[in-house]
Amino acid sequence: ITDLPEWEEQLEGIDLIVHCAHLESYQRRDRKRMTQYNVLATRNLVDAALSYGVNRMVYLGSAYALARSADPLLIASDASGNPVFHSHFARTIFHAELEIWRAEAEGMQVGILHPARLIDPESGKRDLPVGALTEDKYAHTDQMGLLTTGDLGNWVRCVLDRSLWSERFLVCSDLGTPGSNTREDGAQSGES
């Protein structure tokens, strides 16, 4: 995604982009690469999408990147004042999201999803990045907030089917989808 000329022309005739490419790291040595992947590559994608007439984009950020307000007891995606970030990763995802909102300001329909947690039941590894969605081996557990690829796919489909543009959602499996009272598997969930 950082090599614009390599893929830019592939956007011709495309109506929708689901953007889930980002680099997640908490190592100081990766700060420059995270800025390149998360902010600059998203800016390049938005610019190219606008120039090729892409009409819609769904952006998959990360719940770990939600801004913390200046109040240390309040963590919110819409806190007022200057955001305070708990990591460079959070800062870069915030700035990438600003690029998505710029796309909307320039005429594109956008929806933003901030997925909670993924788990790999085979290894027990938790908190997998959204980029792991390409491997279709993640399963639901009864632990709060854990997502499967199907859960996240349902949310993307929900944004598209219900035209939930200009919205952003914190996504976890226990919440169902916007406006639903139950998840597809029949478990009760609250309205989003």
Protein backbone atom coordinates (compact mmCIF):
# COMPACT_ATOMS: atom_id res chain seq x y z
CA ILE A 1 0.00 0.00 0.00
CA THR A 2 2.98 2.33 0.37
CA ASP A 3 3.98 1.92 -3.30
CA LEU A 4 1.34 4.10 -4.98
CA PRO A 5 2.33 3.64 -8.66
CA GLU A 6 2.20 -0.15 -8.28
CA TRP A 7 -1.51 -0.33 -7.45
CA GLU A 8 -3.08 3.07 -8.17
CA GLU A 9 -4.39 2.21 -11.64
CA GLN A 10 -6.19 -0.84 -10.23
CA LEU A 11 -8.71 1.58 -8.69
CA GLU A 12 -10.20 2.43 -12.08
CA GLY A 13 -13.85 1.35 -12.12
CA ILE A 14 -13.88 0.50 -8.38
CA ASP A 15 -16.90 1.73 -6.38
CA LEU A 16 -15.94 0.58 -2.85
CA ILE A 17 -12.73 0.18 -0.87
CA VAL A 18 -12.55 -1.62 2.48
CA HIS A 19 -9.30 -0.29 3.93
CA CYS A 20 -7.84 -2.48 6.67
CA ALA A 21 -4.11 -2.17 6.01
CA HIS A 22 -2.09 -0.77 8.87
CA LEU A 23 1.00 -1.54 10.89
CA GLU A 24 0.54 -2.09 14.62
CA SER A 25 3.59 -1.94 16.84
CA TYR A 26 4.52 -0.56 20.22
CA GLN A 27 8.27 -0.53 19.53
CA ARG A 28 10.02 2.83 19.25
CA ARG A 29 12.04 1.56 16.27
CA ASP A 30 8.80 1.13 14.25
CA ARG A 31 7.52 4.69 14.64
CA LYS A 32 8.69 5.89 11.23
CA ARG A 33 7.28 2.82 9.47
CA MET A 34 3.94 3.20 11.29
CA THR A 35 3.70 6.81 10.11
CA GLN A 36 4.47 5.66 6.55
CA TYR A 37 2.01 2.73 6.57
CA ASN A 38 -0.79 4.15 8.67
CA VAL A 39 -0.86 7.85 7.77
CA LEU A 40 0.97 8.42 4.48
CA ALA A 41 -0.28 5.25 2.78
CA THR A 42 -3.86 6.08 3.83
CA ARG A 43 -3.40 9.60 2.46
CA ASN A 44 -2.11 8.13 -0.83
CA LEU A 45 -5.04 5.71 -0.97
CA VAL A 46 -7.56 8.49 -0.34
CA ASP A 47 -5.95 10.73 -2.97
CA ALA A 48 -5.89 7.94 -5.55
CA ALA A 49 -9.44 6.84 -4.73
CA LEU A 50 -10.71 10.39 -5.17
CA SER A 51 -8.86 10.83 -8.45
CA TYR A 52 -10.27 7.55 -9.81
CA GLY A 53 -13.82 8.31 -8.68
CA VAL A 54 -14.20 5.70 -5.94
CA ASN A 55 -17.54 6.50 -4.27
CA ARG A 56 -17.39 4.64 -0.94
CA MET A 57 -14.81 3.56 1.65
CA VAL A 58 -15.08 1.58 4.89
CA TYR A 59 -12.05 2.05 7.11
CA LEU A 60 -11.09 -0.52 9.74
CA GLY A 61 -9.04 1.16 12.43
CA SER A 62 -8.49 -0.26 15.90
CA ALA A 63 -10.20 0.12 19.25
CA TYR A 64 -6.71 0.49 20.73
CA ALA A 65 -6.33 3.71 18.81
CA LEU A 66 -9.33 5.53 20.25
CA ALA A 67 -8.22 8.87 21.63
CA ARG A 68 -7.96 9.42 25.35
CA SER A 69 -9.19 12.80 26.49
CA ALA A 70 -7.22 15.14 28.69
CA ASP A 71 -9.26 13.67 31.57
CA PRO A 72 -7.35 10.49 32.56
CA LEU A 73 -10.60 8.83 33.69
CA LEU A 74 -12.37 9.29 30.34
CA ILE A 75 -11.57 7.24 27.27
CA ALA A 76 -13.83 8.18 24.38
CA SER A 77 -13.80 8.38 20.62
CA ASP A 78 -15.42 11.81 20.70
CA ALA A 79 -13.83 13.46 23.76
CA SER A 80 -13.52 17.21 23.46
CA GLY A 81 -10.21 19.04 23.57
CA ASN A 82 -6.86 17.94 22.21
CA PRO A 83 -6.51 14.16 22.09
CA VAL A 84 -3.93 12.48 24.29
CA PHE A 85 -2.59 9.21 22.87
CA HIS A 86 -1.35 6.19 24.80
CA SER A 87 0.98 5.11 21.95
CA HIS A 88 2.43 6.17 18.64
CA PHE A 89 0.24 3.50 17.03
CA ALA A 90 -2.85 5.26 18.40
CA ARG A 91 -1.60 8.61 17.08
CA THR A 92 -1.01 7.23 13.57
CA ILE A 93 -4.42 5.53 13.39
CA PHE A 94 -6.03 8.79 14.56
CA HIS A 95 -4.26 10.68 11.76
CA ALA A 96 -5.18 7.99 9.24
CA GLU A 97 -8.82 8.39 10.30
CA LEU A 98 -8.51 12.14 9.66
CA GLU A 99 -7.54 11.26 6.09
CA ILE A 100 -10.72 9.19 5.80
CA TRP A 101 -12.81 12.13 7.04
CA ARG A 102 -11.04 14.29 4.44
CA ALA A 103 -12.25 11.85 1.79
CA GLU A 104 -15.78 12.45 3.03
CA ALA A 105 -15.28 16.22 2.91
CA GLU A 106 -14.25 15.79 -0.72
CA GLY A 107 -17.42 13.86 -1.61
CA MET A 108 -16.80 10.19 -0.80
CA GLN A 109 -19.16 8.21 1.43
CA VAL A 110 -17.20 6.82 4.38
CA GLY A 111 -17.84 4.57 7.35
CA ILE A 112 -15.34 3.84 10.12
CA LEU A 113 -15.17 0.70 12.24
CA HIS A 114 -12.86 0.34 15.23
CA PRO A 115 -12.71 -3.44 15.93
CA ALA A 116 -11.99 -4.60 19.46
CA ARG A 117 -10.04 -7.86 19.79
CA LEU A 118 -9.32 -10.91 17.68
CA ILE A 119 -8.15 -14.19 19.13
CA ASP A 120 -6.44 -17.16 17.53
CA PRO A 121 -7.75 -20.22 19.39
CA GLU A 122 -5.01 -22.46 17.98
CA SER A 123 -2.11 -20.55 19.54
CA GLY A 124 -3.98 -18.67 22.26
CA LYS A 125 -2.49 -15.46 20.86
CA ARG A 126 -4.70 -12.48 21.67
CA ASP A 127 -5.11 -8.96 20.36
CA LEU A 128 -4.29 -9.82 16.79
CA PRO A 129 -4.16 -6.88 14.38
CA VAL A 130 -6.96 -6.37 11.87
CA GLY A 131 -4.49 -7.38 9.15
CA ALA A 132 -4.78 -10.92 10.47
CA LEU A 133 -8.25 -11.06 8.92
CA THR A 134 -6.73 -12.51 5.77
CA GLU A 135 -6.26 -15.75 7.70
CA ASP A 136 -9.73 -17.26 8.12
CA LYS A 137 -9.02 -19.24 11.28
CA TYR A 138 -10.28 -17.05 14.11
CA ALA A 139 -13.14 -18.30 16.23
CA HIS A 140 -15.58 -16.74 18.67
CA THR A 141 -15.22 -17.37 22.38
CA ASP A 142 -17.54 -16.23 25.14
CA GLN A 143 -15.03 -13.65 26.32
CA MET A 144 -16.26 -10.05 26.00
CA GLY A 145 -15.29 -8.18 22.90
CA LEU A 146 -13.52 -10.90 20.94
CA LEU A 147 -14.26 -10.79 17.23
CA THR A 148 -14.32 -13.32 14.46
CA THR A 149 -13.81 -12.52 10.81
CA GLY A 150 -17.53 -13.17 10.38
CA ASP A 151 -18.41 -10.60 13.05
CA LEU A 152 -16.35 -7.92 11.35
CA GLY A 153 -17.64 -8.91 7.92
CA ASN A 154 -21.20 -8.53 9.24
CA TRP A 155 -20.38 -5.02 10.40
CA VAL A 156 -18.94 -4.06 7.01
CA ARG A 157 -22.04 -5.51 5.33
CA CYS A 158 -24.21 -3.58 7.79
CA VAL A 159 -22.54 -0.28 6.88
CA LEU A 160 -23.16 -1.03 3.21
CA ASP A 161 -26.70 -2.41 3.47
CA ARG A 162 -27.98 0.24 5.86
CA SER A 163 -26.03 3.15 4.35
CA LEU A 164 -24.41 3.99 7.67
CA TRP A 165 -22.14 6.56 6.08
CA SER A 166 -20.57 9.40 8.07
CA GLU A 167 -20.60 7.15 11.14
CA ARG A 168 -17.95 5.48 13.27
CA PHE A 169 -18.47 2.45 15.48
CA LEU A 170 -16.59 0.63 18.19
CA VAL A 171 -17.04 -2.97 17.11
CA CYS A 172 -17.04 -5.99 19.37
CA SER A 173 -18.88 -9.26 18.95
CA ASP A 174 -21.03 -8.77 22.02
CA LEU A 175 -22.73 -5.66 20.65
CA GLY A 176 -24.36 -7.20 17.59
CA THR A 177 -24.75 -4.81 14.67
CA PRO A 178 -26.35 -1.34 14.70
CA GLY A 179 -30.08 -1.55 15.32
CA SER A 180 -30.07 -5.27 16.08
CA ASN A 181 -31.27 -6.89 19.28
CA THR A 182 -29.45 -10.16 18.72
CA ARG A 183 -26.37 -11.44 17.00
CA GLU A 184 -26.85 -13.87 14.14
CA ASP A 185 -26.07 -16.79 16.45
CA GLY A 186 -29.09 -15.85 18.58
CA ALA A 187 -27.24 -14.52 21.61
CA GLN A 188 -28.73 -11.38 23.13
CA SER A 189 -26.93 -8.11 22.57
CA GLY A 190 -27.57 -4.47 23.30
CA GLU A 191 -28.45 -1.84 20.74
CA SER A 192 -25.47 0.05 19.35
